[in-house]
N, C-alpha and C. Protein backbone atom coordinates (compact mmCIF):
# COMPACT_ATOMS: atom_id res chain seq x y z
N LYS A 1 30.53 -24.40 -8.70
CA LYS A 1 31.44 -24.07 -7.62
C LYS A 1 30.76 -23.28 -6.52
N VAL A 2 29.44 -23.37 -6.45
CA VAL A 2 28.69 -22.75 -5.36
C VAL A 2 27.82 -23.82 -4.71
N ASP A 3 27.43 -23.58 -3.46
CA ASP A 3 26.59 -24.54 -2.74
C ASP A 3 25.11 -24.33 -3.02
N GLY A 4 24.75 -23.11 -3.44
CA GLY A 4 23.34 -22.82 -3.70
C GLY A 4 23.19 -21.46 -4.36
N ILE A 5 21.98 -21.21 -4.85
CA ILE A 5 21.72 -19.97 -5.59
C ILE A 5 20.39 -19.36 -5.15
N VAL A 6 20.39 -18.01 -5.02
CA VAL A 6 19.15 -17.26 -4.84
C VAL A 6 18.83 -16.60 -6.18
N LEU A 7 17.68 -16.94 -6.73
CA LEU A 7 17.27 -16.40 -8.04
C LEU A 7 16.17 -15.37 -7.83
N THR A 8 16.33 -14.19 -8.45
CA THR A 8 15.34 -13.13 -8.29
C THR A 8 14.58 -12.86 -9.58
N ARG A 9 13.44 -12.19 -9.43
CA ARG A 9 12.59 -11.74 -10.55
C ARG A 9 12.29 -12.86 -11.55
N PRO A 10 11.63 -13.93 -11.11
CA PRO A 10 11.26 -15.01 -12.04
C PRO A 10 10.29 -14.52 -13.10
N ILE A 11 10.37 -15.12 -14.27
CA ILE A 11 9.49 -14.76 -15.39
C ILE A 11 8.68 -15.98 -15.82
N VAL A 12 7.72 -15.75 -16.70
CA VAL A 12 6.94 -16.85 -17.26
C VAL A 12 7.85 -17.73 -18.10
N ASN A 13 7.70 -19.04 -17.98
CA ASN A 13 8.55 -20.01 -18.71
C ASN A 13 10.03 -19.70 -18.47
N ASP A 14 10.41 -19.64 -17.22
CA ASP A 14 11.75 -19.20 -16.83
C ASP A 14 12.80 -20.27 -17.14
N ARG A 15 13.69 -19.98 -18.08
CA ARG A 15 14.72 -20.94 -18.48
C ARG A 15 15.77 -21.16 -17.38
N SER A 16 15.99 -20.13 -16.56
CA SER A 16 16.94 -20.27 -15.46
C SER A 16 16.46 -21.31 -14.46
N ILE A 17 15.18 -21.27 -14.15
CA ILE A 17 14.60 -22.25 -13.23
C ILE A 17 14.68 -23.65 -13.84
N ASP A 18 14.35 -23.77 -15.11
CA ASP A 18 14.44 -25.07 -15.79
C ASP A 18 15.86 -25.63 -15.71
N TYR A 19 16.84 -24.77 -15.93
CA TYR A 19 18.23 -25.20 -15.89
C TYR A 19 18.64 -25.64 -14.48
N LEU A 20 18.28 -24.84 -13.47
CA LEU A 20 18.66 -25.16 -12.11
C LEU A 20 18.02 -26.46 -11.63
N LYS A 21 16.82 -26.72 -12.08
CA LYS A 21 16.17 -28.00 -11.72
C LYS A 21 16.93 -29.18 -12.31
N GLN A 22 17.45 -29.01 -13.52
CA GLN A 22 18.20 -30.09 -14.17
C GLN A 22 19.54 -30.36 -13.48
N THR A 23 20.15 -29.30 -12.93
CA THR A 23 21.46 -29.46 -12.29
C THR A 23 21.35 -30.04 -10.88
N HIS A 24 20.14 -29.99 -10.30
CA HIS A 24 19.90 -30.44 -8.92
C HIS A 24 20.68 -29.60 -7.90
N LEU A 25 21.04 -28.40 -8.29
CA LEU A 25 21.71 -27.48 -7.36
C LEU A 25 20.65 -26.83 -6.47
N PRO A 26 20.86 -26.78 -5.16
CA PRO A 26 19.89 -26.12 -4.28
C PRO A 26 19.68 -24.65 -4.68
N PHE A 27 18.43 -24.24 -4.81
CA PHE A 27 18.17 -22.84 -5.13
C PHE A 27 16.83 -22.41 -4.55
N VAL A 28 16.73 -21.11 -4.31
CA VAL A 28 15.52 -20.49 -3.78
C VAL A 28 15.16 -19.32 -4.68
N VAL A 29 13.88 -19.16 -4.94
CA VAL A 29 13.41 -18.06 -5.78
C VAL A 29 12.83 -16.96 -4.90
N VAL A 30 13.32 -15.74 -5.09
CA VAL A 30 12.69 -14.57 -4.47
C VAL A 30 11.64 -14.06 -5.45
N GLY A 31 10.38 -14.29 -5.10
CA GLY A 31 9.28 -14.04 -6.02
C GLY A 31 8.46 -15.31 -6.14
N SER A 32 7.56 -15.33 -7.10
CA SER A 32 6.71 -16.50 -7.31
C SER A 32 7.05 -17.18 -8.62
N SER A 33 6.85 -18.48 -8.64
CA SER A 33 7.15 -19.28 -9.82
C SER A 33 5.93 -20.09 -10.22
N GLU A 34 5.84 -20.41 -11.51
CA GLU A 34 4.79 -21.30 -11.99
C GLU A 34 5.02 -22.74 -11.55
N GLU A 35 6.25 -23.03 -11.14
CA GLU A 35 6.62 -24.39 -10.74
C GLU A 35 6.35 -24.57 -9.24
N ASP A 36 5.34 -25.37 -8.91
CA ASP A 36 4.91 -25.51 -7.51
C ASP A 36 5.99 -26.12 -6.61
N GLU A 37 6.86 -26.95 -7.19
CA GLU A 37 7.86 -27.64 -6.37
C GLU A 37 9.07 -26.77 -6.06
N VAL A 38 9.16 -25.60 -6.68
CA VAL A 38 10.28 -24.69 -6.44
C VAL A 38 10.09 -23.95 -5.12
N ILE A 39 11.18 -23.81 -4.35
CA ILE A 39 11.12 -23.06 -3.09
C ILE A 39 10.99 -21.57 -3.40
N GLN A 40 9.93 -20.94 -2.91
CA GLN A 40 9.63 -19.55 -3.25
C GLN A 40 9.41 -18.71 -1.99
N ILE A 41 10.04 -17.53 -1.96
CA ILE A 41 9.84 -16.56 -0.88
C ILE A 41 9.30 -15.30 -1.54
N ASP A 42 8.11 -14.88 -1.17
CA ASP A 42 7.51 -13.73 -1.84
C ASP A 42 6.61 -12.99 -0.86
N ASN A 43 6.23 -11.78 -1.25
CA ASN A 43 5.17 -11.07 -0.55
C ASN A 43 3.84 -11.43 -1.18
N ASN A 44 2.78 -11.24 -0.43
CA ASN A 44 1.45 -11.58 -0.93
C ASN A 44 0.94 -10.44 -1.82
N HIS A 45 1.46 -10.41 -3.04
CA HIS A 45 1.14 -9.30 -3.94
C HIS A 45 -0.33 -9.28 -4.34
N ILE A 46 -0.91 -10.45 -4.58
CA ILE A 46 -2.31 -10.48 -5.03
C ILE A 46 -3.21 -9.88 -3.96
N ASP A 47 -3.10 -10.36 -2.72
CA ASP A 47 -3.95 -9.84 -1.64
C ASP A 47 -3.63 -8.38 -1.33
N GLY A 48 -2.35 -8.01 -1.35
CA GLY A 48 -1.97 -6.64 -1.05
C GLY A 48 -2.51 -5.65 -2.06
N CYS A 49 -2.36 -5.97 -3.34
CA CYS A 49 -2.85 -5.07 -4.40
C CYS A 49 -4.37 -5.04 -4.44
N CYS A 50 -4.98 -6.18 -4.12
CA CYS A 50 -6.44 -6.23 -4.03
C CYS A 50 -6.92 -5.32 -2.90
N GLU A 51 -6.26 -5.39 -1.76
CA GLU A 51 -6.68 -4.59 -0.61
C GLU A 51 -6.50 -3.10 -0.86
N LEU A 52 -5.36 -2.71 -1.44
CA LEU A 52 -5.14 -1.29 -1.72
C LEU A 52 -6.15 -0.78 -2.75
N THR A 53 -6.40 -1.55 -3.80
CA THR A 53 -7.39 -1.15 -4.81
C THR A 53 -8.78 -1.04 -4.20
N SER A 54 -9.13 -1.97 -3.31
CA SER A 54 -10.43 -1.92 -2.64
C SER A 54 -10.57 -0.66 -1.79
N VAL A 55 -9.49 -0.26 -1.12
CA VAL A 55 -9.50 0.98 -0.34
C VAL A 55 -9.80 2.17 -1.25
N LEU A 56 -9.17 2.19 -2.43
CA LEU A 56 -9.40 3.28 -3.38
C LEU A 56 -10.85 3.28 -3.89
N ILE A 57 -11.36 2.08 -4.18
CA ILE A 57 -12.75 1.97 -4.66
C ILE A 57 -13.72 2.48 -3.60
N LYS A 58 -13.49 2.06 -2.35
CA LYS A 58 -14.38 2.47 -1.26
C LYS A 58 -14.24 3.94 -0.91
N SER A 59 -13.16 4.55 -1.39
CA SER A 59 -12.98 6.00 -1.22
C SER A 59 -13.70 6.78 -2.31
N GLY A 60 -14.32 6.04 -3.25
CA GLY A 60 -15.12 6.67 -4.30
C GLY A 60 -14.44 6.78 -5.65
N TYR A 61 -13.23 6.21 -5.77
CA TYR A 61 -12.49 6.32 -7.04
C TYR A 61 -12.77 5.07 -7.89
N THR A 62 -13.85 5.10 -8.65
CA THR A 62 -14.22 3.93 -9.45
C THR A 62 -13.76 4.04 -10.91
N THR A 63 -13.50 5.27 -11.38
CA THR A 63 -12.94 5.43 -12.72
C THR A 63 -11.43 5.43 -12.57
N MET A 64 -10.86 4.22 -12.67
CA MET A 64 -9.48 4.01 -12.30
C MET A 64 -8.68 3.43 -13.46
N ALA A 65 -7.52 4.01 -13.72
CA ALA A 65 -6.63 3.49 -14.76
C ALA A 65 -5.49 2.72 -14.11
N LEU A 66 -5.01 1.67 -14.79
CA LEU A 66 -3.88 0.89 -14.31
C LEU A 66 -2.76 0.94 -15.33
N LEU A 67 -1.56 1.27 -14.87
CA LEU A 67 -0.36 1.17 -15.70
C LEU A 67 0.51 0.07 -15.11
N ALA A 68 0.67 -1.01 -15.87
CA ALA A 68 1.37 -2.20 -15.36
C ALA A 68 2.63 -2.47 -16.16
N GLY A 69 3.59 -3.10 -15.49
CA GLY A 69 4.87 -3.41 -16.12
C GLY A 69 4.82 -4.65 -17.00
N ASN A 70 5.99 -5.11 -17.40
CA ASN A 70 6.15 -6.26 -18.28
C ASN A 70 5.44 -7.48 -17.73
N GLN A 71 4.48 -8.02 -18.49
CA GLN A 71 3.67 -9.13 -18.00
C GLN A 71 4.39 -10.47 -18.07
N ARG A 72 5.62 -10.49 -18.56
CA ARG A 72 6.42 -11.72 -18.47
C ARG A 72 6.94 -11.91 -17.05
N HIS A 73 7.04 -10.83 -16.30
CA HIS A 73 7.47 -10.92 -14.91
C HIS A 73 6.28 -11.29 -14.04
N ILE A 74 6.39 -12.37 -13.31
CA ILE A 74 5.26 -12.90 -12.55
C ILE A 74 4.79 -11.91 -11.49
N VAL A 75 5.69 -11.13 -10.92
CA VAL A 75 5.28 -10.14 -9.92
C VAL A 75 4.28 -9.16 -10.53
N ASN A 76 4.47 -8.80 -11.79
CA ASN A 76 3.55 -7.87 -12.45
C ASN A 76 2.20 -8.51 -12.73
N THR A 77 2.22 -9.78 -13.13
CA THR A 77 0.94 -10.47 -13.39
C THR A 77 0.16 -10.64 -12.08
N ASN A 78 0.87 -10.90 -10.97
CA ASN A 78 0.18 -11.04 -9.69
C ASN A 78 -0.41 -9.72 -9.22
N ARG A 79 0.31 -8.63 -9.45
CA ARG A 79 -0.23 -7.32 -9.07
C ARG A 79 -1.47 -6.98 -9.91
N TYR A 80 -1.43 -7.33 -11.17
CA TYR A 80 -2.58 -7.13 -12.06
C TYR A 80 -3.76 -7.97 -11.58
N LYS A 81 -3.50 -9.22 -11.19
CA LYS A 81 -4.56 -10.09 -10.68
C LYS A 81 -5.20 -9.49 -9.43
N GLY A 82 -4.38 -8.91 -8.56
CA GLY A 82 -4.91 -8.27 -7.36
C GLY A 82 -5.81 -7.10 -7.68
N PHE A 83 -5.42 -6.31 -8.66
CA PHE A 83 -6.23 -5.17 -9.12
C PHE A 83 -7.59 -5.66 -9.63
N LEU A 84 -7.57 -6.68 -10.48
CA LEU A 84 -8.82 -7.22 -11.04
C LEU A 84 -9.70 -7.82 -9.94
N LYS A 85 -9.08 -8.50 -8.99
CA LYS A 85 -9.83 -9.15 -7.91
C LYS A 85 -10.59 -8.13 -7.07
N ALA A 86 -9.98 -6.96 -6.85
CA ALA A 86 -10.64 -5.92 -6.06
C ALA A 86 -11.94 -5.47 -6.71
N PHE A 87 -11.92 -5.29 -8.01
CA PHE A 87 -13.13 -4.87 -8.72
C PHE A 87 -14.20 -5.97 -8.66
N LYS A 88 -13.75 -7.21 -8.83
CA LYS A 88 -14.69 -8.34 -8.76
C LYS A 88 -15.31 -8.44 -7.37
N ASP A 89 -14.47 -8.34 -6.33
CA ASP A 89 -14.95 -8.44 -4.96
C ASP A 89 -15.93 -7.32 -4.61
N ASN A 90 -15.76 -6.16 -5.24
CA ASN A 90 -16.64 -5.03 -4.97
C ASN A 90 -17.81 -4.93 -5.94
N GLY A 91 -17.91 -5.92 -6.84
CA GLY A 91 -19.04 -5.97 -7.77
C GLY A 91 -19.05 -4.87 -8.80
N ILE A 92 -17.85 -4.42 -9.19
CA ILE A 92 -17.72 -3.33 -10.17
C ILE A 92 -16.95 -3.85 -11.38
N PRO A 93 -17.45 -3.62 -12.60
CA PRO A 93 -16.69 -4.08 -13.78
C PRO A 93 -15.44 -3.23 -14.01
N VAL A 94 -14.39 -3.88 -14.46
CA VAL A 94 -13.16 -3.16 -14.81
C VAL A 94 -13.29 -2.60 -16.21
N ASN A 95 -12.92 -1.34 -16.38
CA ASN A 95 -12.88 -0.73 -17.71
C ASN A 95 -11.56 -1.13 -18.37
N GLU A 96 -11.61 -2.15 -19.23
CA GLU A 96 -10.38 -2.68 -19.83
C GLU A 96 -9.66 -1.65 -20.69
N THR A 97 -10.38 -0.65 -21.18
CA THR A 97 -9.74 0.36 -22.02
C THR A 97 -8.85 1.30 -21.20
N LEU A 98 -8.97 1.21 -19.87
CA LEU A 98 -8.12 2.01 -18.99
C LEU A 98 -7.00 1.19 -18.36
N VAL A 99 -6.80 -0.03 -18.86
CA VAL A 99 -5.73 -0.89 -18.38
C VAL A 99 -4.61 -0.92 -19.41
N TYR A 100 -3.42 -0.51 -19.01
CA TYR A 100 -2.26 -0.46 -19.90
C TYR A 100 -1.18 -1.37 -19.34
N THR A 101 -0.90 -2.46 -20.05
CA THR A 101 0.13 -3.40 -19.60
C THR A 101 1.40 -3.23 -20.44
N ASP A 102 2.48 -3.86 -19.97
CA ASP A 102 3.77 -3.81 -20.66
C ASP A 102 4.26 -2.37 -20.87
N MET A 103 4.12 -1.57 -19.83
CA MET A 103 4.62 -0.20 -19.87
C MET A 103 6.12 -0.21 -19.59
N THR A 104 6.89 -0.48 -20.64
CA THR A 104 8.33 -0.73 -20.48
C THR A 104 9.22 0.42 -20.94
N SER A 105 8.64 1.55 -21.30
CA SER A 105 9.46 2.70 -21.71
C SER A 105 8.76 3.99 -21.34
N ASN A 106 9.52 5.06 -21.25
CA ASN A 106 8.95 6.37 -20.94
C ASN A 106 7.98 6.83 -22.01
N VAL A 107 8.26 6.50 -23.26
CA VAL A 107 7.38 6.90 -24.36
C VAL A 107 6.00 6.27 -24.19
N LEU A 108 5.96 4.97 -23.88
CA LEU A 108 4.69 4.28 -23.69
C LEU A 108 3.93 4.84 -22.49
N ILE A 109 4.64 5.10 -21.42
CA ILE A 109 4.00 5.64 -20.22
C ILE A 109 3.44 7.04 -20.49
N ASP A 110 4.22 7.88 -21.16
CA ASP A 110 3.77 9.24 -21.48
C ASP A 110 2.51 9.23 -22.33
N ARG A 111 2.49 8.36 -23.35
CA ARG A 111 1.30 8.26 -24.21
C ARG A 111 0.08 7.82 -23.41
N ALA A 112 0.29 6.83 -22.54
CA ALA A 112 -0.81 6.33 -21.72
C ALA A 112 -1.35 7.43 -20.80
N VAL A 113 -0.45 8.17 -20.16
CA VAL A 113 -0.87 9.24 -19.25
C VAL A 113 -1.66 10.31 -20.00
N ASP A 114 -1.19 10.69 -21.18
CA ASP A 114 -1.89 11.72 -21.97
C ASP A 114 -3.30 11.26 -22.31
N THR A 115 -3.44 9.99 -22.72
CA THR A 115 -4.76 9.44 -23.07
C THR A 115 -5.65 9.38 -21.84
N ILE A 116 -5.09 8.90 -20.75
CA ILE A 116 -5.86 8.76 -19.50
C ILE A 116 -6.39 10.10 -19.03
N MET A 117 -5.57 11.12 -19.05
CA MET A 117 -5.99 12.43 -18.55
C MET A 117 -7.06 13.06 -19.43
N ASN A 118 -7.04 12.73 -20.70
CA ASN A 118 -8.10 13.21 -21.60
C ASN A 118 -9.44 12.54 -21.31
N ARG A 119 -9.39 11.42 -20.58
CA ARG A 119 -10.62 10.67 -20.28
C ARG A 119 -11.14 10.94 -18.87
N LYS A 120 -10.53 11.88 -18.18
CA LYS A 120 -11.04 12.36 -16.88
C LYS A 120 -11.16 11.25 -15.83
N VAL A 121 -10.10 10.48 -15.63
CA VAL A 121 -10.13 9.43 -14.62
C VAL A 121 -9.99 10.01 -13.21
N ASP A 122 -10.45 9.23 -12.22
CA ASP A 122 -10.33 9.65 -10.82
C ASP A 122 -8.93 9.38 -10.28
N CYS A 123 -8.37 8.23 -10.71
CA CYS A 123 -7.14 7.76 -10.07
C CYS A 123 -6.31 6.94 -11.05
N ILE A 124 -5.00 7.11 -10.98
CA ILE A 124 -4.07 6.28 -11.75
C ILE A 124 -3.32 5.38 -10.77
N VAL A 125 -3.40 4.07 -11.01
CA VAL A 125 -2.68 3.10 -10.18
C VAL A 125 -1.52 2.56 -10.99
N CYS A 126 -0.34 2.52 -10.38
CA CYS A 126 0.86 2.02 -11.05
C CYS A 126 1.33 0.75 -10.34
N THR A 127 1.81 -0.23 -11.12
CA THR A 127 2.20 -1.49 -10.49
C THR A 127 3.58 -1.43 -9.83
N ASP A 128 4.37 -0.40 -10.14
CA ASP A 128 5.66 -0.29 -9.45
C ASP A 128 6.10 1.16 -9.36
N ASP A 129 7.19 1.37 -8.64
CA ASP A 129 7.69 2.71 -8.35
C ASP A 129 8.29 3.40 -9.57
N ILE A 130 8.91 2.62 -10.47
CA ILE A 130 9.53 3.22 -11.67
C ILE A 130 8.45 3.82 -12.57
N ILE A 131 7.39 3.04 -12.81
CA ILE A 131 6.28 3.53 -13.62
C ILE A 131 5.65 4.74 -12.95
N CYS A 132 5.43 4.65 -11.64
CA CYS A 132 4.78 5.74 -10.91
C CYS A 132 5.62 7.02 -10.99
N SER A 133 6.92 6.88 -10.86
CA SER A 133 7.80 8.05 -10.93
C SER A 133 7.68 8.75 -12.27
N ARG A 134 7.61 7.95 -13.36
CA ARG A 134 7.48 8.54 -14.69
C ARG A 134 6.10 9.17 -14.89
N VAL A 135 5.07 8.53 -14.34
CA VAL A 135 3.71 9.10 -14.42
C VAL A 135 3.69 10.47 -13.76
N LEU A 136 4.30 10.57 -12.58
CA LEU A 136 4.33 11.85 -11.87
C LEU A 136 5.09 12.91 -12.65
N THR A 137 6.19 12.50 -13.29
CA THR A 137 6.96 13.43 -14.12
C THR A 137 6.13 13.94 -15.28
N ARG A 138 5.42 13.02 -15.96
CA ARG A 138 4.61 13.41 -17.11
C ARG A 138 3.46 14.33 -16.71
N LEU A 139 2.83 14.03 -15.58
CA LEU A 139 1.75 14.89 -15.10
C LEU A 139 2.27 16.29 -14.81
N ASN A 140 3.44 16.37 -14.21
CA ASN A 140 4.05 17.67 -13.92
C ASN A 140 4.40 18.42 -15.20
N GLU A 141 4.93 17.69 -16.19
CA GLU A 141 5.29 18.31 -17.48
C GLU A 141 4.08 18.89 -18.20
N THR A 142 2.94 18.23 -18.05
CA THR A 142 1.74 18.66 -18.77
C THR A 142 0.81 19.53 -17.93
N GLY A 143 1.28 19.94 -16.75
CA GLY A 143 0.55 20.94 -15.97
C GLY A 143 -0.53 20.42 -15.06
N TYR A 144 -0.54 19.11 -14.80
CA TYR A 144 -1.55 18.56 -13.89
C TYR A 144 -1.02 18.52 -12.47
N SER A 145 -1.95 18.64 -11.52
CA SER A 145 -1.60 18.64 -10.11
C SER A 145 -2.14 17.39 -9.42
N VAL A 146 -1.28 16.79 -8.58
CA VAL A 146 -1.68 15.63 -7.76
C VAL A 146 -1.79 16.11 -6.31
N PRO A 147 -2.90 15.86 -5.61
CA PRO A 147 -4.07 15.06 -6.01
C PRO A 147 -5.24 15.87 -6.55
N LYS A 148 -5.04 17.15 -6.83
CA LYS A 148 -6.16 17.99 -7.26
C LYS A 148 -6.80 17.49 -8.55
N ASP A 149 -5.99 17.21 -9.56
CA ASP A 149 -6.53 16.81 -10.86
C ASP A 149 -6.72 15.29 -10.99
N VAL A 150 -5.88 14.54 -10.31
CA VAL A 150 -5.98 13.07 -10.37
C VAL A 150 -5.26 12.50 -9.14
N LYS A 151 -5.81 11.40 -8.62
CA LYS A 151 -5.17 10.72 -7.49
C LYS A 151 -4.17 9.69 -8.04
N ILE A 152 -3.13 9.41 -7.26
CA ILE A 152 -2.07 8.47 -7.68
C ILE A 152 -1.81 7.45 -6.57
N ALA A 153 -1.62 6.19 -6.96
CA ALA A 153 -1.23 5.15 -6.01
C ALA A 153 -0.26 4.20 -6.69
N SER A 154 0.61 3.59 -5.89
CA SER A 154 1.60 2.66 -6.42
C SER A 154 1.55 1.34 -5.65
N PHE A 155 1.69 0.22 -6.39
CA PHE A 155 1.71 -1.09 -5.75
C PHE A 155 3.09 -1.44 -5.20
N TYR A 156 4.02 -0.48 -5.27
CA TYR A 156 5.34 -0.70 -4.67
C TYR A 156 5.93 0.65 -4.28
N ASP A 157 6.44 0.71 -3.06
CA ASP A 157 7.03 1.95 -2.55
C ASP A 157 8.55 1.81 -2.52
N SER A 158 9.26 2.90 -2.75
CA SER A 158 10.73 2.85 -2.70
C SER A 158 11.30 4.26 -2.59
N ALA A 159 12.63 4.33 -2.68
CA ALA A 159 13.30 5.63 -2.61
C ALA A 159 12.90 6.54 -3.76
N TYR A 160 12.46 5.94 -4.89
CA TYR A 160 12.03 6.76 -6.02
C TYR A 160 10.86 7.66 -5.63
N LEU A 161 10.05 7.21 -4.68
CA LEU A 161 8.81 7.93 -4.37
C LEU A 161 8.84 8.63 -3.02
N GLU A 162 9.78 8.28 -2.15
CA GLU A 162 9.69 8.74 -0.77
C GLU A 162 9.84 10.25 -0.61
N ASN A 163 10.51 10.90 -1.55
CA ASN A 163 10.70 12.34 -1.43
C ASN A 163 9.74 13.16 -2.28
N TYR A 164 8.78 12.46 -2.92
CA TYR A 164 7.84 13.19 -3.77
C TYR A 164 6.82 13.93 -2.91
N ASN A 165 6.46 15.12 -3.35
CA ASN A 165 5.45 15.92 -2.66
C ASN A 165 4.28 16.20 -3.60
N PRO A 166 3.05 15.73 -3.29
CA PRO A 166 2.65 15.10 -2.03
C PRO A 166 3.12 13.64 -1.94
N PRO A 167 3.26 13.11 -0.72
CA PRO A 167 3.65 11.70 -0.56
C PRO A 167 2.65 10.77 -1.25
N ILE A 168 3.17 9.65 -1.79
CA ILE A 168 2.36 8.77 -2.62
C ILE A 168 1.79 7.60 -1.83
N THR A 169 0.48 7.40 -1.92
CA THR A 169 -0.17 6.22 -1.35
C THR A 169 0.39 4.97 -2.03
N SER A 170 0.76 3.97 -1.22
CA SER A 170 1.46 2.83 -1.82
C SER A 170 1.35 1.58 -0.96
N LEU A 171 1.81 0.48 -1.57
CA LEU A 171 1.93 -0.80 -0.88
C LEU A 171 3.39 -0.96 -0.49
N ARG A 172 3.64 -1.12 0.80
CA ARG A 172 5.02 -1.20 1.28
C ARG A 172 5.37 -2.63 1.65
N ILE A 173 6.49 -3.11 1.12
CA ILE A 173 6.99 -4.43 1.50
C ILE A 173 8.41 -4.26 2.02
N ASP A 174 8.81 -5.16 2.89
CA ASP A 174 10.13 -5.09 3.52
C ASP A 174 11.09 -5.97 2.72
N ILE A 175 11.85 -5.36 1.80
CA ILE A 175 12.73 -6.14 0.93
C ILE A 175 13.91 -6.74 1.70
N LYS A 176 14.30 -6.09 2.81
CA LYS A 176 15.38 -6.65 3.62
C LYS A 176 14.95 -7.98 4.24
N THR A 177 13.74 -8.01 4.78
CA THR A 177 13.21 -9.24 5.36
C THR A 177 13.07 -10.32 4.28
N LEU A 178 12.68 -9.92 3.09
CA LEU A 178 12.57 -10.86 1.97
C LEU A 178 13.91 -11.53 1.71
N GLY A 179 14.98 -10.73 1.69
CA GLY A 179 16.31 -11.27 1.46
C GLY A 179 16.79 -12.17 2.60
N ILE A 180 16.50 -11.75 3.83
CA ILE A 180 16.89 -12.55 5.00
C ILE A 180 16.21 -13.92 4.96
N GLU A 181 14.91 -13.93 4.68
CA GLU A 181 14.17 -15.19 4.63
C GLU A 181 14.67 -16.09 3.51
N ALA A 182 15.01 -15.49 2.38
CA ALA A 182 15.53 -16.28 1.25
C ALA A 182 16.87 -16.92 1.64
N GLY A 183 17.72 -16.13 2.31
CA GLY A 183 19.00 -16.67 2.76
C GLY A 183 18.85 -17.81 3.75
N LYS A 184 17.96 -17.64 4.73
CA LYS A 184 17.70 -18.69 5.71
C LYS A 184 17.20 -19.97 5.04
N CYS A 185 16.27 -19.80 4.10
CA CYS A 185 15.72 -20.97 3.41
C CYS A 185 16.79 -21.71 2.62
N LEU A 186 17.66 -20.96 1.95
CA LEU A 186 18.70 -21.60 1.16
C LEU A 186 19.68 -22.36 2.06
N ILE A 187 20.06 -21.76 3.19
CA ILE A 187 20.96 -22.43 4.13
C ILE A 187 20.33 -23.72 4.65
N ASN A 188 19.06 -23.67 5.00
CA ASN A 188 18.36 -24.86 5.49
C ASN A 188 18.19 -25.91 4.40
N LEU A 189 17.97 -25.44 3.16
CA LEU A 189 17.84 -26.37 2.03
C LEU A 189 19.15 -27.11 1.79
N ILE A 190 20.26 -26.38 1.82
CA ILE A 190 21.58 -26.99 1.64
C ILE A 190 21.86 -28.00 2.76
N ALA A 191 21.37 -27.68 3.96
CA ALA A 191 21.58 -28.56 5.11
C ALA A 191 20.65 -29.78 5.11
N GLY A 192 19.75 -29.83 4.14
CA GLY A 192 18.84 -30.97 4.03
C GLY A 192 17.63 -30.90 4.93
N LYS A 193 17.32 -29.72 5.44
CA LYS A 193 16.17 -29.57 6.34
C LYS A 193 14.86 -29.44 5.55
N GLU A 194 13.76 -29.74 6.23
CA GLU A 194 12.43 -29.63 5.62
C GLU A 194 12.06 -28.15 5.49
N ILE A 195 11.60 -27.76 4.30
CA ILE A 195 11.26 -26.35 4.05
C ILE A 195 9.92 -26.29 3.30
N ALA A 196 9.10 -25.30 3.67
CA ALA A 196 7.85 -25.08 2.95
C ALA A 196 8.16 -24.64 1.52
N ASN A 197 7.37 -25.13 0.57
CA ASN A 197 7.62 -24.77 -0.82
C ASN A 197 7.38 -23.29 -1.10
N LYS A 198 6.40 -22.70 -0.40
CA LYS A 198 6.10 -21.29 -0.66
C LYS A 198 5.87 -20.55 0.65
N THR A 199 6.57 -19.46 0.84
CA THR A 199 6.40 -18.60 2.01
C THR A 199 5.97 -17.22 1.53
N LEU A 200 4.82 -16.75 2.02
CA LEU A 200 4.33 -15.43 1.65
C LEU A 200 4.47 -14.49 2.85
N LEU A 201 5.19 -13.41 2.67
CA LEU A 201 5.40 -12.43 3.73
C LEU A 201 4.33 -11.34 3.65
N ASP A 202 4.16 -10.62 4.74
CA ASP A 202 3.09 -9.63 4.84
C ASP A 202 3.47 -8.33 4.14
N TYR A 203 2.56 -7.42 4.14
CA TYR A 203 2.72 -6.11 3.48
C TYR A 203 2.05 -5.06 4.34
N GLU A 204 2.27 -3.79 3.98
CA GLU A 204 1.65 -2.68 4.69
C GLU A 204 1.09 -1.69 3.68
N ILE A 205 -0.15 -1.29 3.87
CA ILE A 205 -0.75 -0.27 3.02
C ILE A 205 -0.52 1.09 3.67
N VAL A 206 0.11 1.99 2.92
CA VAL A 206 0.45 3.32 3.44
C VAL A 206 -0.38 4.36 2.70
N LEU A 207 -1.37 4.90 3.39
CA LEU A 207 -2.24 5.90 2.77
C LEU A 207 -1.65 7.29 3.00
N LYS A 208 -1.39 7.99 1.89
CA LYS A 208 -0.78 9.32 1.99
C LYS A 208 -1.61 10.33 1.21
N LYS A 209 -1.07 11.51 0.97
CA LYS A 209 -1.85 12.62 0.45
C LYS A 209 -2.15 12.55 -1.05
N SER A 210 -1.49 11.64 -1.78
CA SER A 210 -1.69 11.61 -3.23
C SER A 210 -3.04 11.05 -3.62
């Protein structure tokens, strides 16, 4: 009883996408999909995360830990790919023992932060604002100061981080524009117009005091 659907946060082997393809109902995905024929509107997470990580590397922070979210979500895998690409492009090996994926609870994040700080890293990179917010809380609880004891960066900026002091270096994307473009694409798709299968929107790197 709808003319079309906007689907958000696609995952690996997404059953919702499989179902929508079978129904032939017009739909647009906000994010990236493994299915090339699906209409996708996303930000260029791989290039954005690669560029921000490269900035950190060139600032001298080579002992870097990554805390990443659920790897079933394609946005998280793309952000991880961007992180790895930056090290490859700069000719520096990634220390896999400092990479923590599937950080889906406060307990896991707290344990990772405690281990990381015992290893004297230069910088902690978080793939999203929720993880970053918890990392900052844990550092504060255990008496560490940002950026004096460790630098912090996030691959996604939001209201969770905007009031933190010091301000957090992050990758900024315009989610309103993302929604507008998805809506336009769906309207055009329903109208039978020609649409690009994948549209990648730009990003902004915001360097702050963290």
